[in-house]
Amino acid sequence: MNDHLHNPKLDEHPGSNTEKDPADWVSGDDPMTGAQASYLTTLCEEAGEDLPSEGLSKAEASQRIDALKAKLGRN
């Protein structure tokens, strides 16, 4: 048994787990959320692209949002 467990909160420069590839999301295959659908619709309209299909997964919606934000020059 290890008496000294590593506590990442005590690391001087802890790695970030806030950004994870959508392909690795546990819930990535779930249907996109209402918030994703709304934001994606807004971005599609601003970019002059086709509106999102209703069958997108959370991961697919996130990837499309990121692509549209890049196209529009947003962070």
PDB file of N, CA and C in Angstrom:
ATOM      1  N   MET A   1       0.843  -1.194   0.000  1.00  0.00           N
ATOM      2  CA  MET A   1       0.000   0.000   0.000  1.00  0.00           C
ATOM      3  C   MET A   1       0.878   1.245   0.000  1.00  0.00           C
ATOM      4  N   ASN A   2       0.491   2.239  -0.758  1.00  0.00           N
ATOM      5  CA  ASN A   2       1.265   3.465  -0.866  1.00  0.00           C
ATOM      6  C   ASN A   2       0.822   4.436   0.218  1.00  0.00           C
ATOM      7  N   ASP A   3       1.751   4.810   1.098  1.00  0.00           N
ATOM      8  CA  ASP A   3       1.426   5.730   2.181  1.00  0.00           C
ATOM      9  C   ASP A   3       1.363   7.174   1.705  1.00  0.00           C
ATOM     10  N   HIS A   4       1.995   7.474   0.578  1.00  0.00           N
ATOM     11  CA  HIS A   4       2.059   8.842   0.078  1.00  0.00           C
ATOM     12  C   HIS A   4       1.383   8.921  -1.288  1.00  0.00           C
ATOM     13  N   LEU A   5       0.098   9.180  -1.304  1.00  0.00           N
ATOM     14  CA  LEU A   5      -0.623   9.306  -2.558  1.00  0.00           C
ATOM     15  C   LEU A   5      -0.343  10.664  -3.185  1.00  0.00           C
ATOM     16  N   HIS A   6      -0.238  10.688  -4.488  1.00  0.00           N
ATOM     17  CA  HIS A   6       0.009  11.938  -5.217  1.00  0.00           C
ATOM     18  C   HIS A   6      -1.262  12.775  -5.235  1.00  0.00           C
ATOM     19  N   ASN A   7      -1.145  14.048  -4.873  1.00  0.00           N
ATOM     20  CA  ASN A   7      -2.271  14.969  -4.908  1.00  0.00           C
ATOM     21  C   ASN A   7      -1.988  16.012  -5.983  1.00  0.00           C
ATOM     22  N   PRO A   8      -2.668  15.933  -7.147  1.00  0.00           N
ATOM     23  CA  PRO A   8      -2.388  16.872  -8.238  1.00  0.00           C
ATOM     24  C   PRO A   8      -2.688  18.317  -7.877  1.00  0.00           C
ATOM     25  N   LYS A   9      -3.518  18.555  -6.879  1.00  0.00           N
ATOM     26  CA  LYS A   9      -3.824  19.925  -6.463  1.00  0.00           C
ATOM     27  C   LYS A   9      -2.598  20.617  -5.885  1.00  0.00           C
ATOM     28  N   LEU A  10      -1.633  19.833  -5.445  1.00  0.00           N
ATOM     29  CA  LEU A  10      -0.431  20.397  -4.851  1.00  0.00           C
ATOM     30  C   LEU A  10       0.695  20.604  -5.854  1.00  0.00           C
ATOM     31  N   ASP A  11       0.483  20.209  -7.117  1.00  0.00           N
ATOM     32  CA  ASP A  11       1.496  20.412  -8.152  1.00  0.00           C
ATOM     33  C   ASP A  11       1.666  21.905  -8.428  1.00  0.00           C
ATOM     34  N   GLU A  12       2.910  22.306  -8.697  1.00  0.00           N
ATOM     35  CA  GLU A  12       3.177  23.711  -8.973  1.00  0.00           C
ATOM     36  C   GLU A  12       2.466  24.161 -10.253  1.00  0.00           C
ATOM     37  N   HIS A  13       2.496  23.317 -11.288  1.00  0.00           N
ATOM     38  CA  HIS A  13       1.845  23.630 -12.564  1.00  0.00           C
ATOM     39  C   HIS A  13       0.979  22.444 -12.969  1.00  0.00           C
ATOM     40  N   PRO A  14      -0.203  22.330 -12.365  1.00  0.00           N
ATOM     41  CA  PRO A  14      -1.045  21.171 -12.701  1.00  0.00           C
ATOM     42  C   PRO A  14      -1.514  21.225 -14.148  1.00  0.00           C
ATOM     43  N   GLY A  15      -1.629  20.074 -14.758  1.00  0.00           N
ATOM     44  CA  GLY A  15      -2.151  19.990 -16.111  1.00  0.00           C
ATOM     45  C   GLY A  15      -3.631  20.322 -16.123  1.00  0.00           C
ATOM     46  N   SER A  16      -4.129  20.713 -17.253  1.00  0.00           N
ATOM     47  CA  SER A  16      -5.539  21.061 -17.358  1.00  0.00           C
ATOM     48  C   SER A  16      -6.343  19.870 -17.863  1.00  0.00           C
ATOM     49  N   ASN A  17      -7.466  19.633 -17.241  1.00  0.00           N
ATOM     50  CA  ASN A  17      -8.375  18.613 -17.737  1.00  0.00           C
ATOM     51  C   ASN A  17      -9.661  19.261 -18.236  1.00  0.00           C
ATOM     52  N   THR A  18      -9.635  20.599 -18.408  1.00  0.00           N
ATOM     53  CA  THR A  18     -10.837  21.285 -18.843  1.00  0.00           C
ATOM     54  C   THR A  18     -11.074  21.162 -20.334  1.00  0.00           C
ATOM     55  N   GLU A  19     -10.034  20.835 -21.087  1.00  0.00           N
ATOM     56  CA  GLU A  19     -10.202  20.658 -22.527  1.00  0.00           C
ATOM     57  C   GLU A  19      -9.873  19.226 -22.886  1.00  0.00           C
ATOM     58  N   LYS A  20     -10.868  18.552 -23.415  1.00  0.00           N
ATOM     59  CA  LYS A  20     -10.716  17.157 -23.788  1.00  0.00           C
ATOM     60  C   LYS A  20     -11.255  16.996 -25.200  1.00  0.00           C
ATOM     61  N   ASP A  21     -10.585  16.217 -25.996  1.00  0.00           N
ATOM     62  CA  ASP A  21     -11.027  15.981 -27.363  1.00  0.00           C
ATOM     63  C   ASP A  21     -12.442  15.399 -27.329  1.00  0.00           C
ATOM     64  N   PRO A  22     -13.382  16.017 -28.070  1.00  0.00           N
ATOM     65  CA  PRO A  22     -14.754  15.502 -28.075  1.00  0.00           C
ATOM     66  C   PRO A  22     -14.843  14.017 -28.426  1.00  0.00           C
ATOM     67  N   ALA A  23     -13.906  13.519 -29.210  1.00  0.00           N
ATOM     68  CA  ALA A  23     -13.917  12.095 -29.564  1.00  0.00           C
ATOM     69  C   ALA A  23     -13.697  11.216 -28.336  1.00  0.00           C
ATOM     70  N   ASP A  24     -13.116  11.793 -27.284  1.00  0.00           N
ATOM     71  CA  ASP A  24     -12.838  11.037 -26.061  1.00  0.00           C
ATOM     72  C   ASP A  24     -13.902  11.218 -24.990  1.00  0.00           C
ATOM     73  N   TRP A  25     -14.940  12.007 -25.257  1.00  0.00           N
ATOM     74  CA  TRP A  25     -15.984  12.241 -24.262  1.00  0.00           C
ATOM     75  C   TRP A  25     -16.775  10.960 -24.019  1.00  0.00           C
ATOM     76  N   VAL A  26     -17.069  10.683 -22.769  1.00  0.00           N
ATOM     77  CA  VAL A  26     -17.906   9.535 -22.419  1.00  0.00           C
ATOM     78  C   VAL A  26     -19.311   9.739 -22.976  1.00  0.00           C
ATOM     79  N   SER A  27     -19.813  10.970 -22.916  1.00  0.00           N
ATOM     80  CA  SER A  27     -21.172  11.259 -23.381  1.00  0.00           C
ATOM     81  C   SER A  27     -21.182  11.835 -24.792  1.00  0.00           C
ATOM     82  N   GLY A  28     -20.090  11.706 -25.531  1.00  0.00           N
ATOM     83  CA  GLY A  28     -19.983  12.298 -26.859  1.00  0.00           C
ATOM     84  C   GLY A  28     -20.995  11.799 -27.861  1.00  0.00           C
ATOM     85  N   ASP A  29     -21.494  10.583 -27.660  1.00  0.00           N
ATOM     86  CA  ASP A  29     -22.484  10.030 -28.594  1.00  0.00           C
ATOM     87  C   ASP A  29     -23.911  10.446 -28.260  1.00  0.00           C
ATOM     88  N   ASP A  30     -24.102  11.087 -27.111  1.00  0.00           N
ATOM     89  CA  ASP A  30     -25.439  11.570 -26.744  1.00  0.00           C
ATOM     90  C   ASP A  30     -25.862  12.664 -27.715  1.00  0.00           C
ATOM     91  N   PRO A  31     -27.164  12.893 -27.862  1.00  0.00           N
ATOM     92  CA  PRO A  31     -27.621  13.973 -28.736  1.00  0.00           C
ATOM     93  C   PRO A  31     -27.115  15.328 -28.242  1.00  0.00           C
ATOM     94  N   MET A  32     -26.874  16.249 -29.185  1.00  0.00           N
ATOM     95  CA  MET A  32     -26.411  17.579 -28.779  1.00  0.00           C
ATOM     96  C   MET A  32     -27.427  18.215 -27.842  1.00  0.00           C
ATOM     97  N   THR A  33     -26.927  19.091 -26.987  1.00  0.00           N
ATOM     98  CA  THR A  33     -27.784  19.757 -26.015  1.00  0.00           C
ATOM     99  C   THR A  33     -28.541  20.900 -26.682  1.00  0.00           C
ATOM    100  N   GLY A  34     -29.537  21.388 -26.011  1.00  0.00           N
ATOM    101  CA  GLY A  34     -30.290  22.543 -26.519  1.00  0.00           C
ATOM    102  C   GLY A  34     -29.399  23.763 -26.667  1.00  0.00           C
ATOM    103  N   ALA A  35     -28.493  23.947 -25.706  1.00  0.00           N
ATOM    104  CA  ALA A  35     -27.574  25.089 -25.772  1.00  0.00           C
ATOM    105  C   ALA A  35     -26.651  24.971 -26.981  1.00  0.00           C
ATOM    106  N   GLN A  36     -26.154  23.757 -27.246  1.00  0.00           N
ATOM    107  CA  GLN A  36     -25.300  23.551 -28.417  1.00  0.00           C
ATOM    108  C   GLN A  36     -26.076  23.851 -29.691  1.00  0.00           C
ATOM    109  N   ALA A  37     -27.304  23.360 -29.786  1.00  0.00           N
ATOM    110  CA  ALA A  37     -28.119  23.563 -30.984  1.00  0.00           C
ATOM    111  C   ALA A  37     -28.365  25.046 -31.224  1.00  0.00           C
ATOM    112  N   SER A  38     -28.652  25.781 -30.157  1.00  0.00           N
ATOM    113  CA  SER A  38     -28.916  27.210 -30.279  1.00  0.00           C
ATOM    114  C   SER A  38     -27.671  27.964 -30.729  1.00  0.00           C
ATOM    115  N   TYR A  39     -26.535  27.685 -30.092  1.00  0.00           N
ATOM    116  CA  TYR A  39     -25.290  28.373 -30.432  1.00  0.00           C
ATOM    117  C   TYR A  39     -24.844  28.005 -31.844  1.00  0.00           C
ATOM    118  N   LEU A  40     -24.975  26.746 -32.177  1.00  0.00           N
ATOM    119  CA  LEU A  40     -24.594  26.281 -33.504  1.00  0.00           C
ATOM    120  C   LEU A  40     -25.456  26.946 -34.578  1.00  0.00           C
ATOM    121  N   THR A  41     -26.734  27.094 -34.322  1.00  0.00           N
ATOM    122  CA  THR A  41     -27.627  27.774 -35.265  1.00  0.00           C
ATOM    123  C   THR A  41     -27.183  29.216 -35.475  1.00  0.00           C
ATOM    124  N   THR A  42     -26.869  29.907 -34.375  1.00  0.00           N
ATOM    125  CA  THR A  42     -26.404  31.291 -34.468  1.00  0.00           C
ATOM    126  C   THR A  42     -25.117  31.383 -35.282  1.00  0.00           C
ATOM    127  N   LEU A  43     -24.156  30.505 -34.992  1.00  0.00           N
ATOM    128  CA  LEU A  43     -22.885  30.525 -35.716  1.00  0.00           C
ATOM    129  C   LEU A  43     -23.080  30.206 -37.195  1.00  0.00           C
ATOM    130  N   CYS A  44     -23.945  29.238 -37.501  1.00  0.00           N
ATOM    131  CA  CYS A  44     -24.219  28.888 -38.903  1.00  0.00           C
ATOM    132  C   CYS A  44     -24.810  30.080 -39.651  1.00  0.00           C
ATOM    133  N   GLU A  45     -25.744  30.777 -39.021  1.00  0.00           N
ATOM    134  CA  GLU A  45     -26.360  31.945 -39.645  1.00  0.00           C
ATOM    135  C   GLU A  45     -25.312  33.026 -39.906  1.00  0.00           C
ATOM    136  N   GLU A  46     -24.443  33.283 -38.915  1.00  0.00           N
ATOM    137  CA  GLU A  46     -23.414  34.310 -39.065  1.00  0.00           C
ATOM    138  C   GLU A  46     -22.388  33.939 -40.134  1.00  0.00           C
ATOM    139  N   ALA A  47     -22.103  32.647 -40.267  1.00  0.00           N
ATOM    140  CA  ALA A  47     -21.107  32.182 -41.234  1.00  0.00           C
ATOM    141  C   ALA A  47     -21.711  31.917 -42.611  1.00  0.00           C
ATOM    142  N   GLY A  48     -23.037  32.020 -42.734  1.00  0.00           N
ATOM    143  CA  GLY A  48     -23.697  31.757 -44.008  1.00  0.00           C
ATOM    144  C   GLY A  48     -23.671  30.294 -44.393  1.00  0.00           C
ATOM    145  N   GLU A  49     -23.682  29.412 -43.403  1.00  0.00           N
ATOM    146  CA  GLU A  49     -23.657  27.969 -43.658  1.00  0.00           C
ATOM    147  C   GLU A  49     -25.006  27.351 -43.346  1.00  0.00           C
ATOM    148  N   ASP A  50     -25.187  26.107 -43.817  1.00  0.00           N
ATOM    149  CA  ASP A  50     -26.423  25.382 -43.561  1.00  0.00           C
ATOM    150  C   ASP A  50     -26.612  25.193 -42.067  1.00  0.00           C
ATOM    151  N   LEU A  51     -27.856  25.245 -41.658  1.00  0.00           N
ATOM    152  CA  LEU A  51     -28.169  25.040 -40.243  1.00  0.00           C
ATOM    153  C   LEU A  51     -27.845  23.606 -39.844  1.00  0.00           C
ATOM    154  N   PRO A  52     -27.569  23.391 -38.567  1.00  0.00           N
ATOM    155  CA  PRO A  52     -27.192  22.044 -38.114  1.00  0.00           C
ATOM    156  C   PRO A  52     -28.347  21.062 -38.242  1.00  0.00           C
ATOM    157  N   SER A  53     -27.998  19.820 -38.518  1.00  0.00           N
ATOM    158  CA  SER A  53     -29.033  18.786 -38.549  1.00  0.00           C
ATOM    159  C   SER A  53     -29.369  18.404 -37.115  1.00  0.00           C
ATOM    160  N   GLU A  54     -30.570  17.904 -36.917  1.00  0.00           N
ATOM    161  CA  GLU A  54     -31.009  17.553 -35.571  1.00  0.00           C
ATOM    162  C   GLU A  54     -30.338  16.290 -35.056  1.00  0.00           C
ATOM    163  N   GLY A  55     -29.707  15.525 -35.925  1.00  0.00           N
ATOM    164  CA  GLY A  55     -29.138  14.258 -35.510  1.00  0.00           C
ATOM    165  C   GLY A  55     -27.700  14.316 -35.021  1.00  0.00           C
ATOM    166  N   LEU A  56     -27.158  15.517 -34.821  1.00  0.00           N
ATOM    167  CA  LEU A  56     -25.766  15.615 -34.374  1.00  0.00           C
ATOM    168  C   LEU A  56     -25.607  15.134 -32.937  1.00  0.00           C
ATOM    169  N   SER A  57     -24.472  14.533 -32.666  1.00  0.00           N
ATOM    170  CA  SER A  57     -24.130  14.144 -31.297  1.00  0.00           C
ATOM    171  C   SER A  57     -23.488  15.336 -30.597  1.00  0.00           C
ATOM    172  N   LYS A  58     -23.308  15.230 -29.284  1.00  0.00           N
ATOM    173  CA  LYS A  58     -22.628  16.287 -28.536  1.00  0.00           C
ATOM    174  C   LYS A  58     -21.237  16.528 -29.102  1.00  0.00           C
ATOM    175  N   ALA A  59     -20.512  15.454 -29.385  1.00  0.00           N
ATOM    176  CA  ALA A  59     -19.152  15.583 -29.891  1.00  0.00           C
ATOM    177  C   ALA A  59     -19.143  16.235 -31.274  1.00  0.00           C
ATOM    178  N   GLU A  60     -20.035  15.815 -32.156  1.00  0.00           N
ATOM    179  CA  GLU A  60     -20.097  16.396 -33.498  1.00  0.00           C
ATOM    180  C   GLU A  60     -20.456  17.875 -33.432  1.00  0.00           C
ATOM    181  N   ALA A  61     -21.412  18.218 -32.575  1.00  0.00           N
ATOM    182  CA  ALA A  61     -21.813  19.614 -32.426  1.00  0.00           C
ATOM    183  C   ALA A  61     -20.650  20.452 -31.914  1.00  0.00           C
ATOM    184  N   SER A  62     -19.924  19.929 -30.945  1.00  0.00           N
ATOM    185  CA  SER A  62     -18.784  20.658 -30.394  1.00  0.00           C
ATOM    186  C   SER A  62     -17.720  20.900 -31.460  1.00  0.00           C
ATOM    187  N   GLN A  63     -17.455  19.883 -32.267  1.00  0.00           N
ATOM    188  CA  GLN A  63     -16.459  20.024 -33.327  1.00  0.00           C
ATOM    189  C   GLN A  63     -16.905  21.046 -34.372  1.00  0.00           C
ATOM    190  N   ARG A  64     -18.185  21.034 -34.692  1.00  0.00           N
ATOM    191  CA  ARG A  64     -18.697  21.999 -35.686  1.00  0.00           C
ATOM    192  C   ARG A  64     -18.670  23.414 -35.112  1.00  0.00           C
ATOM    193  N   ILE A  65     -18.992  23.558 -33.832  1.00  0.00           N
ATOM    194  CA  ILE A  65     -18.919  24.865 -33.172  1.00  0.00           C
ATOM    195  C   ILE A  65     -17.493  25.393 -33.232  1.00  0.00           C
ATOM    196  N   ASP A  66     -16.525  24.543 -32.895  1.00  0.00           N
ATOM    197  CA  ASP A  66     -15.123  24.966 -32.919  1.00  0.00           C
ATOM    198  C   ASP A  66     -14.699  25.395 -34.319  1.00  0.00           C
ATOM    199  N   ALA A  67     -15.124  24.650 -35.332  1.00  0.00           N
ATOM    200  CA  ALA A  67     -14.764  24.974 -36.712  1.00  0.00           C
ATOM    201  C   ALA A  67     -15.383  26.311 -37.137  1.00  0.00           C
ATOM    202  N   LEU A  68     -16.631  26.528 -36.770  1.00  0.00           N
ATOM    203  CA  LEU A  68     -17.298  27.778 -37.132  1.00  0.00           C
ATOM    204  C   LEU A  68     -16.689  28.965 -36.396  1.00  0.00           C
ATOM    205  N   LYS A  69     -16.364  28.779 -35.130  1.00  0.00           N
ATOM    206  CA  LYS A  69     -15.717  29.851 -34.371  1.00  0.00           C
ATOM    207  C   LYS A  69     -14.383  30.220 -35.009  1.00  0.00           C
ATOM    208  N   ALA A  70     -13.620  29.235 -35.458  1.00  0.00           N
ATOM    209  CA  ALA A  70     -12.350  29.499 -36.129  1.00  0.00           C
ATOM    210  C   ALA A  70     -12.582  30.244 -37.435  1.00  0.00           C
ATOM    211  N   LYS A  71     -13.580  29.821 -38.177  1.00  0.00           N
ATOM    212  CA  LYS A  71     -13.896  30.465 -39.446  1.00  0.00           C
ATOM    213  C   LYS A  71     -14.283  31.924 -39.238  1.00  0.00           C
ATOM    214  N   LEU A  72     -14.999  32.186 -38.147  1.00  0.00           N
ATOM    215  CA  LEU A  72     -15.459  33.540 -37.848  1.00  0.00           C
ATOM    216  C   LEU A  72     -14.428  34.360 -37.083  1.00  0.00           C
ATOM    217  N   GLY A  73     -13.287  33.749 -36.759  1.00  0.00           N
ATOM    218  CA  GLY A  73     -12.222  34.461 -36.059  1.00  0.00           C
ATOM    219  C   GLY A  73     -12.487  34.683 -34.589  1.00  0.00           C
ATOM    220  N   ARG A  74     -13.208  33.760 -33.998  1.00  0.00           N
ATOM    221  CA  ARG A  74     -13.502  33.848 -32.552  1.00  0.00           C
ATOM    222  C   ARG A  74     -12.675  32.838 -31.793  1.00  0.00           C
ATOM    223  N   ASN A  75     -12.440  33.136 -30.533  1.00  0.00           N
ATOM    224  CA  ASN A  75     -11.672  32.207 -29.692  1.00  0.00           C
ATOM    225  C   ASN A  75     -12.540  31.142 -29.121  1.00  0.00           C
TER     226      ASN A  75
END
